[in-house]
Protein backbone atom coordinates (compact mmCIF):
# COMPACT_ATOMS: atom_id res chain seq x y z
CA MET A 1 -77.74 -41.07 -4.34
CA LYS A 2 -80.44 -39.69 -2.21
CA ARG A 3 -82.03 -43.34 -2.54
CA ILE A 4 -78.51 -44.95 -1.03
CA ILE A 5 -78.26 -42.00 1.72
CA ILE A 6 -82.27 -42.98 2.84
CA ASN A 7 -81.22 -46.73 2.64
CA ILE A 8 -78.32 -46.58 4.75
CA LEU A 9 -79.89 -44.26 7.53
CA LEU A 10 -82.35 -46.57 7.68
CA ILE A 11 -80.05 -49.60 8.32
CA ILE A 12 -78.49 -47.47 10.78
CA GLY A 13 -81.85 -46.76 12.42
CA ILE A 14 -82.86 -50.35 12.45
CA PHE A 15 -79.65 -51.12 14.25
CA ILE A 16 -79.98 -48.86 16.49
CA ALA A 17 -83.31 -49.77 17.67
CA LEU A 18 -82.12 -53.00 17.92
CA THR A 19 -79.89 -52.41 20.09
CA PHE A 20 -81.44 -49.74 22.23
CA VAL A 21 -84.03 -53.30 22.71
CA SER A 22 -81.56 -55.52 23.37
CA VAL A 23 -79.82 -53.10 26.12
CA PHE A 24 -83.47 -52.70 27.32
CA PHE A 25 -83.78 -56.66 27.68
CA LEU A 26 -80.87 -57.60 28.84
CA MET A 27 -81.30 -54.74 31.72
CA LYS A 28 -84.79 -55.87 31.98
CA SER A 29 -83.39 -59.73 32.28
CA ASN A 30 -81.85 -58.91 35.70
CA LYS A 31 -85.15 -57.54 36.92
CA ILE A 32 -87.86 -59.63 35.69
CA LEU A 33 -87.15 -64.13 35.84
CA VAL A 34 -87.20 -65.66 32.49
CA ALA A 35 -87.25 -69.24 31.15
CA PHE A 36 -84.62 -71.28 31.81
CA ASN A 37 -83.70 -75.33 32.03
CA ILE A 38 -82.65 -78.03 34.07
CA LYS A 39 -79.33 -79.09 32.73
CA TYR A 40 -78.28 -81.75 34.37
CA VAL A 41 -79.60 -84.47 36.45
CA ASN A 42 -77.91 -87.46 37.92
CA ASN A 43 -78.85 -90.08 40.51
CA ILE A 44 -76.76 -92.50 42.15
CA TYR A 45 -78.87 -94.45 44.39
CA ASN A 46 -80.74 -92.46 46.71
CA SER A 47 -78.60 -89.16 46.32
CA ILE A 48 -79.20 -86.64 43.29
CA GLU A 49 -76.74 -84.88 41.61
CA LEU A 50 -79.30 -81.28 40.14
CA SER A 51 -77.94 -78.42 37.88
CA PHE A 52 -79.95 -75.72 36.22
CA ASP A 53 -79.64 -72.64 34.83
CA LYS A 54 -79.04 -69.59 37.22
CA VAL A 55 -81.77 -66.84 36.71
CA LYS A 56 -80.21 -63.56 37.33
CA ALA A 57 -83.88 -62.11 38.84
CA ALA A 58 -84.04 -65.01 41.40
CA LYS A 59 -83.69 -64.85 45.07
CA TYR A 60 -83.76 -68.64 45.79
CA TYR A 61 -85.28 -71.79 43.76
CA ARG A 62 -87.61 -74.12 44.77
CA VAL A 63 -86.82 -78.12 43.93
CA GLU A 64 -89.27 -80.48 44.32
CA LEU A 65 -89.82 -84.48 43.42
CA MET A 66 -92.82 -86.00 42.78
CA ASP A 67 -94.22 -89.50 41.87
CA ASN A 68 -95.97 -90.53 39.57
CA GLU A 69 -99.73 -90.06 40.69
CA ALA A 70 -98.24 -86.32 41.40
CA ASN A 71 -97.25 -86.66 44.79
CA MET A 72 -94.76 -84.38 46.95
CA ILE A 73 -92.06 -87.06 47.48
CA TYR A 74 -89.57 -83.90 48.83
CA TYR A 75 -89.37 -80.56 48.22
CA PHE A 76 -86.02 -78.11 49.70
CA ASN A 77 -85.31 -73.84 48.65
CA THR A 78 -81.57 -73.46 47.21
CA GLU A 79 -80.25 -70.02 46.67
CA ASP A 80 -77.82 -72.38 44.31
CA ASN A 81 -78.11 -73.41 41.29
CA TYR A 82 -75.88 -77.04 41.70
CA ASN A 83 -77.54 -78.87 44.47
CA LYS A 84 -76.57 -82.33 45.91
CA PHE A 85 -78.98 -83.87 48.28
CA ILE A 86 -80.87 -87.56 49.64
CA VAL A 87 -83.93 -88.93 49.08
CA ASP A 88 -84.98 -91.62 51.28
CA ASN A 89 -88.22 -92.62 50.12
CA LEU A 90 -87.50 -93.55 46.57
CA VAL A 91 -89.22 -97.14 45.15
CA TYR A 92 -87.86 -99.53 42.50
CA ASN A 93 -89.71 -99.37 39.26
CA THR A 94 -91.50 -96.05 40.09
CA THR A 95 -91.35 -93.22 37.64
CA TYR A 96 -90.35 -89.39 39.35
CA SER A 97 -90.63 -85.80 38.19
CA LEU A 98 -88.29 -83.82 38.84
CA MET A 99 -89.20 -79.15 38.74
CA VAL A 100 -87.44 -76.67 39.51
CA TYR A 101 -89.29 -73.15 40.08
CA ALA A 102 -87.45 -69.85 40.44
CA TYR A 103 -88.69 -67.44 42.23
CA ASP A 104 -88.50 -63.39 42.59
CA SER A 105 -88.18 -60.80 45.21
CA ALA A 106 -91.53 -60.10 44.75
CA GLY A 107 -92.77 -63.92 45.19
CA ASN A 108 -93.44 -64.71 41.64
CA TYR A 109 -92.14 -67.38 39.80
CA MET A 110 -91.13 -69.02 36.25
CA PRO A 111 -91.29 -72.61 35.71
CA ALA A 112 -88.19 -74.50 34.03
CA ARG A 113 -89.12 -75.05 30.61
CA SER A 114 -89.73 -78.64 30.97
CA SER A 115 -89.54 -81.53 34.18
CA TYR A 116 -87.00 -84.51 33.87
CA GLU A 117 -88.70 -87.53 34.35
CA PHE A 118 -86.72 -90.60 35.50
CA THR A 119 -87.52 -93.61 36.96
CA TYR A 120 -86.35 -95.34 40.13
CA LEU A 121 -83.87 -98.56 38.80
CA SER A 122 -82.02 -99.45 42.34
CA PRO A 123 -83.38 -101.50 45.28
CA THR A 124 -85.18 -101.11 47.74
CA ILE A 125 -87.01 -102.93 50.65
CA ASP A 126 -90.43 -103.59 51.32
CA LYS A 127 -91.93 -102.19 54.37
CA SER A 128 -95.30 -103.32 53.80
CA ASN A 129 -94.91 -105.33 57.43
CA ILE A 130 -92.55 -103.90 60.15
CA ILE A 131 -93.11 -106.57 62.22
CA LEU A 132 -91.25 -109.36 63.37
CA ASN A 133 -93.43 -111.28 65.42
CA ASN A 134 -90.98 -113.46 67.30
CA GLU A 135 -90.67 -115.54 63.90
CA ASP A 136 -88.43 -116.14 61.17
CA TYR A 137 -88.85 -112.76 59.19
CA LYS A 138 -88.50 -112.44 55.14
CA LEU A 139 -87.45 -109.92 54.30
CA ASN A 140 -88.76 -108.92 50.27
CA ILE A 141 -86.22 -107.20 47.92
CA ASN A 142 -87.43 -105.29 44.98
CA GLY A 143 -85.57 -104.69 42.33
CA SER A 144 -82.26 -106.60 40.32
CA LEU A 145 -79.43 -107.87 42.07
CA THR A 146 -77.60 -109.49 39.14
CA ASP A 147 -75.77 -106.54 37.83
CA LYS A 148 -73.45 -105.12 41.21
CA LYS A 149 -72.91 -106.68 44.56
CA TYR A 150 -75.10 -105.56 47.23
CA TYR A 151 -74.78 -106.31 51.26
CA ILE A 152 -76.81 -106.32 54.07
CA HIS A 153 -76.02 -105.05 56.94
CA ILE A 154 -78.28 -105.71 60.49
CA SER A 155 -77.71 -103.47 63.29
CA HIS A 156 -79.35 -102.95 67.22
CA ASP A 157 -78.20 -100.02 69.22
CA GLY A 158 -75.06 -99.44 67.19
CA GLU A 159 -73.89 -103.17 66.89
CA LEU A 160 -73.58 -104.76 63.99
CA LEU A 161 -75.14 -107.95 63.98
CA LYS A 162 -74.67 -109.35 60.51
CA ASP A 163 -72.73 -108.53 57.12
CA GLU A 164 -72.72 -110.46 54.14
CA GLU A 165 -73.80 -110.44 49.87
CA LEU A 166 -77.40 -110.72 49.41
CA LYS A 167 -77.59 -113.87 46.97
CA GLY A 168 -81.55 -113.65 45.81
CA ASN A 169 -84.79 -110.78 46.16
CA GLU A 170 -85.55 -112.65 50.26
CA TYR A 171 -83.60 -112.74 52.82
CA ILE A 172 -84.68 -114.89 56.27
CA ILE A 173 -83.50 -113.10 59.20
CA SER A 174 -83.82 -115.58 62.05
CA LYS A 175 -85.57 -115.40 64.80
CA ASP A 176 -82.75 -115.97 66.78
CA TYR A 177 -81.56 -112.57 66.76
CA TYR A 178 -84.84 -110.94 68.82
CA LYS A 179 -87.07 -113.50 69.58
CA ASP A 180 -88.87 -112.76 73.06
CA LYS A 181 -86.84 -109.58 73.16
CA GLU A 182 -87.92 -105.96 73.22
CA MET A 183 -86.03 -104.88 69.85
CA GLU A 184 -85.96 -103.25 66.57
CA LEU A 185 -83.37 -104.05 64.07
CA TYR A 186 -81.93 -101.68 61.31
CA VAL A 187 -81.61 -103.10 58.26
CA GLU A 188 -78.94 -101.01 55.24
CA ILE A 189 -78.81 -102.56 51.89
CA ILE A 190 -74.82 -101.25 51.15
CA CYS A 191 -73.57 -101.28 47.52
CA ASP A 192 -70.07 -98.90 47.07
CA GLY A 193 -70.02 -98.08 50.57
CA ILE A 194 -73.68 -96.19 50.08
CA VAL A 195 -76.68 -97.14 51.92
CA VAL A 196 -79.31 -97.73 48.61
CA ASP A 197 -82.39 -98.37 51.11
CA LYS A 198 -83.23 -99.00 54.95
CA ALA A 199 -85.79 -99.79 56.76
CA SER A 200 -86.33 -100.54 60.65
CA LEU A 201 -88.68 -103.77 62.35
CA PHE A 202 -90.02 -103.99 65.40
CA ASN A 203 -90.18 -107.64 67.80
CA ASP A 204 -92.21 -107.07 70.80
CA MET A 205 -92.51 -103.25 71.09
CA ASN A 206 -95.14 -100.66 69.45
CA PRO A 207 -93.36 -99.49 65.59
CA ILE A 208 -95.06 -96.39 66.31
CA LYS A 209 -92.47 -93.27 67.16
CA ASP A 210 -93.64 -90.75 70.54
CA ILE A 211 -95.98 -88.20 68.76
CA TYR A 212 -95.77 -84.94 70.40
CA ILE A 213 -98.68 -82.53 70.20
CA GLU A 214 -97.20 -78.64 69.51
CA THR A 215 -100.36 -76.52 68.98
CA PRO A 216 -102.32 -76.40 71.74
CA VAL A 217 -100.08 -75.91 74.23
CA ASN A 218 -101.27 -77.85 77.41
CA GLN A 219 -102.86 -76.23 80.15
CA THR A 220 -103.49 -73.57 78.09
CA SER A 221 -106.37 -70.96 77.09
CA ILE A 222 -107.17 -70.94 73.87
CA ILE A 223 -109.74 -67.83 72.56
CA TYR A 224 -113.18 -68.55 70.88
CA ASN A 225 -112.01 -69.63 66.72
CA ASP A 226 -111.65 -73.15 65.09
CA VAL A 227 -108.48 -74.92 66.78
CA SER A 228 -105.27 -75.59 64.58
CA LEU A 229 -103.76 -78.85 65.73
CA ILE A 230 -100.07 -79.76 65.00
CA PHE A 231 -98.31 -82.45 66.32
CA ALA A 232 -94.68 -83.83 65.08
CA GLY A 233 -93.53 -87.53 65.28
CA GLY A 234 -95.95 -90.88 65.09
CA ASP A 235 -93.66 -91.75 62.59
CA ASN A 236 -94.81 -95.31 61.07
CA ALA A 237 -98.93 -95.18 61.95
CA GLU A 238 -100.59 -95.41 59.40
CA TYR A 239 -103.64 -93.31 60.16
CA TYR A 240 -104.73 -91.49 63.61
CA ASN A 241 -107.24 -91.38 65.24
CA ILE A 242 -108.55 -87.25 66.79
CA ASN A 243 -110.23 -87.55 69.51
CA ILE A 244 -112.31 -84.44 71.06
CA PHE A 245 -113.52 -84.69 74.48
CA LYS A 246 -115.61 -81.85 76.57
CA GLY A 247 -114.71 -83.71 80.25
CA ASN A 248 -115.32 -87.74 79.88
CA ASP A 249 -117.32 -87.04 77.31
CA LEU A 250 -116.34 -87.92 73.33
CA ILE A 251 -117.90 -85.31 71.20
CA HIS A 252 -116.22 -85.96 68.23
CA THR A 253 -113.48 -88.28 66.67
CA SER A 254 -112.18 -88.34 63.09
CA THR A 255 -109.25 -90.15 61.40
CA THR A 256 -107.33 -88.68 59.63
CA THR A 257 -103.14 -89.31 57.60
CA LYS A 258 -102.18 -85.84 57.82
CA LYS A 259 -100.57 -83.81 61.05
CA LYS A 260 -101.83 -80.61 60.86
CA ILE A 261 -105.23 -80.05 61.24
CA ILE A 262 -108.18 -77.66 61.65
CA LEU A 263 -111.12 -78.79 64.13
CA SER A 264 -113.99 -76.56 63.23
CA ARG A 265 -115.29 -73.87 65.99
CA SER A 266 -118.06 -75.66 66.53
CA PHE A 267 -116.52 -78.52 68.04
CA PHE A 268 -116.49 -75.99 71.44
CA GLU A 269 -117.55 -73.94 73.54
CA THR A 270 -116.63 -70.86 75.33
CA ASN A 271 -115.65 -71.36 79.34
CA ASN A 272 -115.47 -74.99 78.46
CA THR A 273 -112.46 -77.50 79.27
CA TYR A 274 -111.44 -79.51 76.48
CA ARG A 275 -109.03 -82.44 75.86
CA ILE A 276 -107.88 -83.42 72.18
CA GLU A 277 -105.92 -86.73 72.34
CA VAL A 278 -104.16 -88.22 69.02
CA ASP A 279 -103.94 -91.77 68.70
CA GLY A 280 -101.41 -93.11 66.41
CA VAL A 281 -102.09 -96.47 64.79
CA TYR A 282 -100.64 -99.74 63.11
CA LYS A 283 -102.21 -102.69 62.25
CA ASP A 284 -103.03 -103.24 66.20
CA TYR A 285 -100.37 -101.20 67.49
CA HIS A 286 -101.51 -97.43 69.45
CA LYS A 287 -99.35 -94.90 70.60
CA LYS A 288 -101.51 -92.04 71.79
CA THR A 289 -100.91 -88.56 73.62
CA ASP A 290 -102.81 -85.68 74.31
CA VAL A 291 -103.57 -81.88 75.33
CA SER A 292 -106.23 -80.14 77.64
CA PHE A 293 -106.79 -76.68 77.03
CA ASP A 294 -109.49 -73.99 78.20
CA ILE A 295 -111.70 -72.15 75.72
CA THR A 296 -112.51 -68.61 76.26
CA GLY A 297 -114.70 -65.59 75.11
CA ARG A 298 -112.39 -63.75 73.57
CA ALA A 299 -111.13 -63.81 69.78
CA LYS A 300 -109.27 -63.07 68.11
CA LEU A 301 -109.54 -60.82 64.85
CA LYS A 302 -109.32 -61.73 61.02
CA PRO A 303 -106.24 -60.10 59.34
CA VAL A 304 -106.72 -56.85 57.37
CA TYR A 305 -106.91 -58.17 53.16
CA ILE A 306 -106.39 -55.17 50.33
CA ASN A 307 -108.25 -55.12 47.15
CA VAL A 308 -105.15 -56.25 44.91
CA ASN A 309 -102.24 -58.00 43.59
CA PRO A 310 -98.91 -56.89 45.78
CA LYS A 311 -96.87 -58.60 43.10
CA ALA A 312 -98.11 -56.58 40.64
CA VAL A 313 -99.52 -53.47 41.29
CA LYS A 314 -100.16 -50.24 38.64
CA LYS A 315 -98.28 -46.90 39.36
CA GLY A 316 -101.16 -44.98 41.02
CA THR A 317 -103.08 -48.08 42.61
CA LYS A 318 -104.77 -47.07 45.40
CA ILE A 319 -105.08 -49.76 48.12
CA VAL A 320 -107.86 -50.41 49.48
CA LEU A 321 -107.78 -52.18 53.31
CA LYS A 322 -111.20 -53.99 54.66
CA GLN A 323 -111.71 -56.30 57.39
CA PRO A 324 -114.32 -58.75 57.55
CA GLU A 325 -115.43 -57.91 61.06
CA GLY A 326 -115.23 -53.91 60.42
CA ALA A 327 -112.72 -53.38 63.28
CA ASN A 328 -110.21 -50.57 62.84
CA ILE A 329 -107.44 -50.97 60.81
CA TYR A 330 -103.87 -49.67 61.38
CA TYR A 331 -100.97 -49.68 58.93
CA THR A 332 -97.44 -48.34 58.42
CA LEU A 333 -95.51 -47.68 54.68
CA ASN A 334 -92.03 -47.86 56.12
CA GLY A 335 -91.61 -51.16 58.08
CA ASP A 336 -92.50 -50.08 61.32
CA ASP A 337 -94.92 -52.64 63.68
CA PRO A 338 -98.88 -50.93 63.15
CA SER A 339 -99.92 -52.15 65.96
CA VAL A 340 -97.17 -49.30 67.95
CA ASN A 341 -96.78 -46.92 65.09
CA GLY A 342 -99.88 -47.13 62.92
CA ILE A 343 -101.99 -44.91 60.95
CA LEU A 344 -105.84 -45.27 61.16
CA TYR A 345 -107.15 -45.96 58.31
CA GLU A 346 -109.29 -44.13 56.97
CA ASN A 347 -109.14 -43.32 52.97
CA PRO A 348 -107.69 -45.27 50.60
CA ILE A 349 -103.68 -45.33 50.26
CA GLU A 350 -102.01 -44.32 46.49
CA ILE A 351 -98.89 -46.37 45.97
CA ASN A 352 -96.46 -45.16 43.43
CA GLN A 353 -93.53 -46.82 44.11
CA ASN A 354 -92.61 -50.05 45.50
CA THR A 355 -93.50 -50.00 49.07
CA VAL A 356 -93.77 -52.13 52.36
CA LEU A 357 -97.87 -52.43 53.67
CA LYS A 358 -97.70 -53.24 57.17
CA THR A 359 -101.43 -53.97 58.89
CA VAL A 360 -103.06 -54.97 61.57
CA ALA A 361 -106.37 -54.75 62.75
CA SER A 362 -107.86 -53.59 66.37
CA TYR A 363 -110.53 -53.27 68.87
CA ASN A 364 -110.81 -53.10 72.05
CA LEU A 365 -113.34 -56.11 72.98
CA ARG A 366 -111.30 -58.49 70.56
CA ASP A 367 -107.70 -60.16 70.68
CA ASN A 368 -105.72 -57.69 67.99
CA SER A 369 -105.31 -59.67 64.45
CA ILE A 370 -101.81 -60.92 63.05
CA ILE A 371 -99.22 -57.65 61.38
CA THR A 372 -99.49 -58.53 57.78
CA THR A 373 -97.16 -57.68 55.77
CA TYR A 374 -97.62 -56.73 51.72
CA ASN A 375 -94.74 -55.72 49.77
CA LEU A 376 -95.91 -54.18 47.28
CA ASN A 377 -94.51 -54.03 44.05
CA VAL A 378 -95.21 -51.83 41.16
CA THR A 379 -94.65 -53.06 37.60
CA ASP A 380 -96.23 -52.73 34.91
CA LYS A 381 -96.36 -56.74 34.41
CA ASN A 382 -100.26 -57.16 31.68
CA ASN A 383 -100.20 -60.63 30.95
CA TYR A 384 -101.86 -63.06 33.56
CA LYS A 385 -102.90 -67.21 33.47
CA ILE A 386 -105.67 -68.48 35.24
CA TYR A 387 -106.19 -72.28 35.76
CA ILE A 388 -109.64 -73.26 36.49
CA SER A 389 -110.37 -76.81 38.49
CA PRO A 390 -113.93 -77.37 39.09
CA SER A 391 -114.57 -79.98 41.10
CA ASN A 392 -114.75 -83.88 39.89
CA GLN A 393 -117.00 -85.56 42.69
CA GLY A 394 -119.98 -86.65 40.54
CA ALA A 395 -120.44 -89.22 43.43
CA ASN A 396 -122.41 -85.88 45.42
CA PRO A 397 -126.27 -85.38 44.82
CA GLY A 398 -127.57 -82.16 45.52
CA VAL A 399 -131.01 -80.93 46.17
CA HIS A 400 -133.06 -82.86 43.23
CA GLU A 401 -136.30 -81.09 43.58
CA VAL A 402 -134.72 -77.96 42.14
CA GLY A 403 -133.10 -79.38 39.19
CA TYR A 404 -129.17 -79.97 41.04
CA THR A 405 -127.58 -82.46 39.69
CA THR A 406 -124.02 -83.36 40.87
CA GLU A 407 -121.36 -81.65 42.34
CA LYS A 408 -119.30 -82.45 39.17
CA ILE A 409 -121.70 -81.27 36.22
CA GLU A 410 -123.04 -78.39 38.69
CA MET A 411 -119.47 -77.13 39.29
CA ASN A 412 -118.89 -77.47 36.01
CA LYS A 413 -121.57 -75.40 34.63
CA VAL A 414 -120.07 -72.69 37.11
CA ALA A 415 -116.71 -72.83 35.89
CA ASP A 416 -117.52 -72.49 32.40
CA TYR A 417 -119.03 -69.20 32.83
CA VAL A 418 -116.10 -67.96 35.04
CA ILE A 419 -114.18 -68.59 31.61
CA GLU A 420 -115.93 -67.02 29.75
CA LYS A 421 -115.99 -63.65 31.29
CA LEU A 422 -111.75 -64.28 32.45
CA LYS A 423 -111.43 -65.39 28.33
CA GLU A 424 -113.53 -61.47 27.49
CA HIS A 425 -109.44 -60.34 27.64
CA SER A 426 -107.57 -61.11 25.13
CA ASN A 427 -103.68 -61.04 28.19
CA VAL A 428 -105.56 -63.75 30.11
CA THR A 429 -104.67 -67.61 29.78
CA VAL A 430 -107.25 -69.52 30.89
CA TYR A 431 -105.85 -73.17 31.97
CA ARG A 432 -108.88 -76.34 32.37
CA ASN A 433 -108.69 -79.19 34.53
CA ASN A 434 -108.86 -82.31 33.15
CA PRO A 435 -111.98 -84.02 35.25
CA GLU A 436 -110.65 -87.30 35.00
CA GLY A 437 -107.39 -86.73 36.83
CA ASN A 438 -107.10 -86.10 40.71
CA ILE A 439 -105.62 -83.10 42.74
CA ASN A 440 -101.62 -83.69 42.99
CA GLN A 441 -102.03 -84.08 39.34
CA TRP A 442 -103.90 -80.93 38.43
CA ASN A 443 -101.73 -78.58 41.34
CA ARG A 444 -98.65 -80.40 39.16
CA ASP A 445 -100.06 -79.16 36.02
CA ALA A 446 -100.80 -75.37 37.16
CA ASN A 447 -97.54 -75.26 38.26
CA TYR A 448 -96.03 -77.03 35.57
CA LEU A 449 -97.94 -74.65 33.65
CA GLY A 450 -96.44 -71.36 35.65
CA VAL A 451 -100.58 -70.05 36.44
CA ASP A 452 -100.69 -66.35 38.59
CA PHE A 453 -103.70 -68.66 40.49
CA LYS A 454 -105.28 -71.41 40.76
CA PHE A 455 -109.21 -71.52 41.88
CA ALA A 456 -110.77 -74.61 42.96
CA ILE A 457 -114.29 -73.99 42.74
CA HIS A 458 -116.56 -76.54 44.94
CA SER A 459 -120.60 -76.68 46.59
CA ASN A 460 -120.29 -78.07 49.72
CA ALA A 461 -122.60 -80.50 51.48
CA SER A 462 -122.53 -81.55 55.59
CA VAL A 463 -123.09 -84.97 57.25
CA ASN A 464 -126.94 -84.40 58.89
CA HIS A 465 -127.46 -81.91 55.71
CA THR A 466 -128.39 -78.94 58.40
CA SER A 467 -125.58 -76.78 56.96
CA TYR A 468 -125.57 -73.45 54.85
CA GLY A 469 -123.70 -71.01 53.48
CA ILE A 470 -120.67 -70.05 51.93
CA GLU A 471 -117.23 -70.48 52.86
CA THR A 472 -113.80 -69.96 51.65
CA TRP A 473 -110.34 -72.07 52.33
CA VAL A 474 -106.37 -70.66 52.43
CA ASP A 475 -103.91 -72.75 53.82
CA SER A 476 -103.31 -70.48 57.07
CA GLU A 477 -104.11 -66.93 57.37
CA GLN A 478 -99.73 -66.25 56.27
CA SER A 479 -100.68 -67.45 53.62
CA GLU A 480 -100.36 -64.96 50.38
CA THR A 481 -104.35 -66.39 48.52
CA TYR A 482 -105.85 -64.62 52.25
CA SER A 483 -106.44 -61.48 50.17
CA LEU A 484 -108.39 -62.76 46.86
CA ALA A 485 -110.23 -65.59 48.90
CA SER A 486 -112.03 -62.96 50.80
CA LEU A 487 -112.60 -60.82 47.48
CA LEU A 488 -114.05 -63.90 46.99
CA GLN A 489 -116.06 -64.13 49.99
CA GLU A 490 -117.38 -61.34 50.07
CA LYS A 491 -118.62 -61.12 46.42
CA LEU A 492 -120.40 -64.48 46.81
CA VAL A 493 -121.94 -63.20 50.18
CA ASP A 494 -122.93 -59.93 49.19
CA LEU A 495 -125.35 -62.14 46.49
CA TYR A 496 -126.57 -64.66 48.46
CA PRO A 497 -130.32 -64.16 48.35
CA TYR A 498 -131.02 -65.38 52.08
CA LYS A 499 -129.43 -63.06 54.21
CA GLU A 500 -132.36 -63.93 57.15
CA ARG A 501 -130.15 -67.17 56.77
CA GLU A 502 -128.38 -66.95 60.50
CA GLY A 503 -124.27 -67.40 59.55
CA TYR A 504 -125.12 -68.44 55.51
CA ASN A 505 -121.36 -66.09 55.72
CA ARG A 506 -119.04 -68.97 56.85
CA GLY A 507 -115.95 -67.08 56.54
CA VAL A 508 -112.22 -67.81 55.00
CA LYS A 509 -110.80 -70.83 57.12
CA TYR A 510 -107.60 -71.88 56.97
CA ALA A 511 -106.98 -75.39 56.21
CA LEU A 512 -103.48 -76.19 57.36
CA GLY A 513 -102.56 -78.93 54.83
CA GLU A 514 -105.65 -80.30 54.77
CA ILE A 515 -106.73 -79.40 51.07
CA GLY A 516 -104.73 -79.84 48.44
CA GLU A 517 -105.93 -77.94 46.61
CA ALA A 518 -105.34 -74.64 49.30
CA ASN A 519 -102.42 -76.18 50.47
CA ASP A 520 -99.24 -73.94 50.05
CA ASN A 521 -96.79 -75.86 50.01
CA TYR A 522 -98.49 -77.92 46.52
CA VAL A 523 -99.86 -74.90 45.05
CA ARG A 524 -98.21 -71.60 44.28
CA PHE A 525 -101.64 -70.00 44.76
CA GLY A 526 -104.53 -71.85 45.45
CA ILE A 527 -107.99 -71.06 46.90
CA LEU A 528 -110.45 -73.60 46.92
CA ILE A 529 -114.44 -72.12 47.39
CA GLU A 530 -117.78 -74.19 48.31
CA VAL A 531 -120.16 -71.78 46.71
CA ALA A 532 -123.17 -73.48 48.76
CA HIS A 533 -124.60 -76.37 50.13
CA HIS A 534 -125.95 -78.54 47.67
CA ASP A 535 -127.81 -80.76 49.90
CA ASP A 536 -129.66 -77.30 51.29
CA TYR A 537 -133.10 -76.44 50.17
CA GLN A 538 -132.21 -72.66 49.72
CA ASP A 539 -128.41 -73.03 48.56
CA ALA A 540 -129.32 -75.83 45.89
CA LYS A 541 -132.16 -73.61 44.11
CA TRP A 542 -129.81 -70.18 44.02
CA MET A 543 -126.89 -72.33 43.08
CA VAL A 544 -128.82 -74.07 40.46
CA GLU A 545 -130.90 -70.20 39.16
CA GLN A 546 -128.22 -68.24 39.30
CA GLN A 547 -125.37 -69.97 37.81
CA LYS A 548 -124.66 -67.39 34.94
CA GLU A 549 -123.72 -64.20 37.78
CA ILE A 550 -122.44 -66.20 40.12
CA GLY A 551 -119.70 -67.53 37.76
CA TYR A 552 -119.35 -63.47 36.05
CA ALA A 553 -118.88 -62.56 39.92
CA LEU A 554 -115.85 -64.64 41.07
CA ALA A 555 -114.46 -64.40 37.31
CA GLU A 556 -115.12 -60.25 37.75
CA VAL A 557 -112.87 -60.40 41.71
CA ILE A 558 -110.56 -61.84 39.61
CA LEU A 559 -110.08 -59.44 37.00
CA ASN A 560 -110.32 -57.27 39.84
CA TYR A 561 -107.51 -57.92 41.84
CA PHE A 562 -104.95 -58.70 39.08
CA GLN A 563 -105.43 -55.31 37.96
CA ILE A 564 -106.57 -57.04 34.06
CA SER A 565 -108.81 -54.43 32.19
């Protein structure tokens, strides 16, 4: 009888324990991100309908659509788990991958359990040539036109010029509509009253849309620093020439397909006037615009950075504030503007509850840094996922005299040591890139895996083989990655053995979308470090001889930042 009572009590105890655990996780599920599924995707031509599980802890969701080469085609943020949207640049017979990410209030994210893959099979217009050239134009249409009735609409300035059923994949547009005229024709493929695809064609006119430079602002003064060039427009341009003039002298030219570019401070000198020209190019057509500005001597301070990951701060952590130029740091813990009501930072700040930390760097001979907000989230997060992405650039040789082979080989050796040190901790899952892949695929893989950090490890080189030193890249000074990047830069600078070399600390730099593995739009939390210059004798020698020291040091910074023990 006694044994029966004991068994009954044991069963009751287990039931109570299981109930407690279930209630605990049910309550926690409102606070932490949980795995979820994409439930339904349907595309009718270029209109996509999407639904996915609602995640209680999610503040918002990010929807991304990529092509089969992992290029980002379309993305948006939403608070709803049902969405309907149109994507205009889909291409016939191309496979696409649709993925959803849930974000909580601290900025942590959780990918859906799996992506949705589909091949786009609706007809699309071949847009490889958009010039009419006063001749009959052969419009090529990719895809089957036999399953439904498809119509072509041709219009100009809102006037419909042609409306007829498509009978084949080649359609001749008569030059009678546009010969010897400056004209933009608007062509649409229509089915069931829906626009399936569209294109603009141009005759005797520049097909490149006007270009508008947003920054720098014309006829203004800029403090001496790297210059951010951001412009809009330029639709249909295949690429852009960026020309920098000092007076009438062309001092630098480069080519890009991006509309956000960072121009190194090395191109500029203080107390001089410069002109930047953006030249959009499509075949023989050009569309240009420019902006003039002065470079002044008063520089802006770099932002303040902190010693730990703000998304997951252990209770009782002491937050250390740092600034790379040694300026005064002011902070607030109540949301106030630190440049007005800030407390002078003197000692580490102990954090025991969720706190909004705002910081600014100030020095009377420099402009204040940006105000940085750190939403410190106190939690007991212990498990982390790290994605290590060493260079795959096997065609970049280094200084052979010191044993440096190629960037790919040597940076993979450094990565070996980073991974070795990280794997000493059972609560760290480490992933590594496929060296035969590309940046887009690595970013996608890291995002799909839900990693906390993606770390690209490279070495550098200069055109004239005269540069040396260490630099670390983030997307912008507002990037969440700025603190960790600053800590990584700080550590390698401390290790660098040739401190008599002026300018070896090249600092944390802002890529503004130019570096794929440090692009905030394409990778959740990504940094790229240039360990040193492999075409410089001393740098290459250091990297070859101290690979273990470098790799271990980088890993230690990562472990300390994420408070992994």
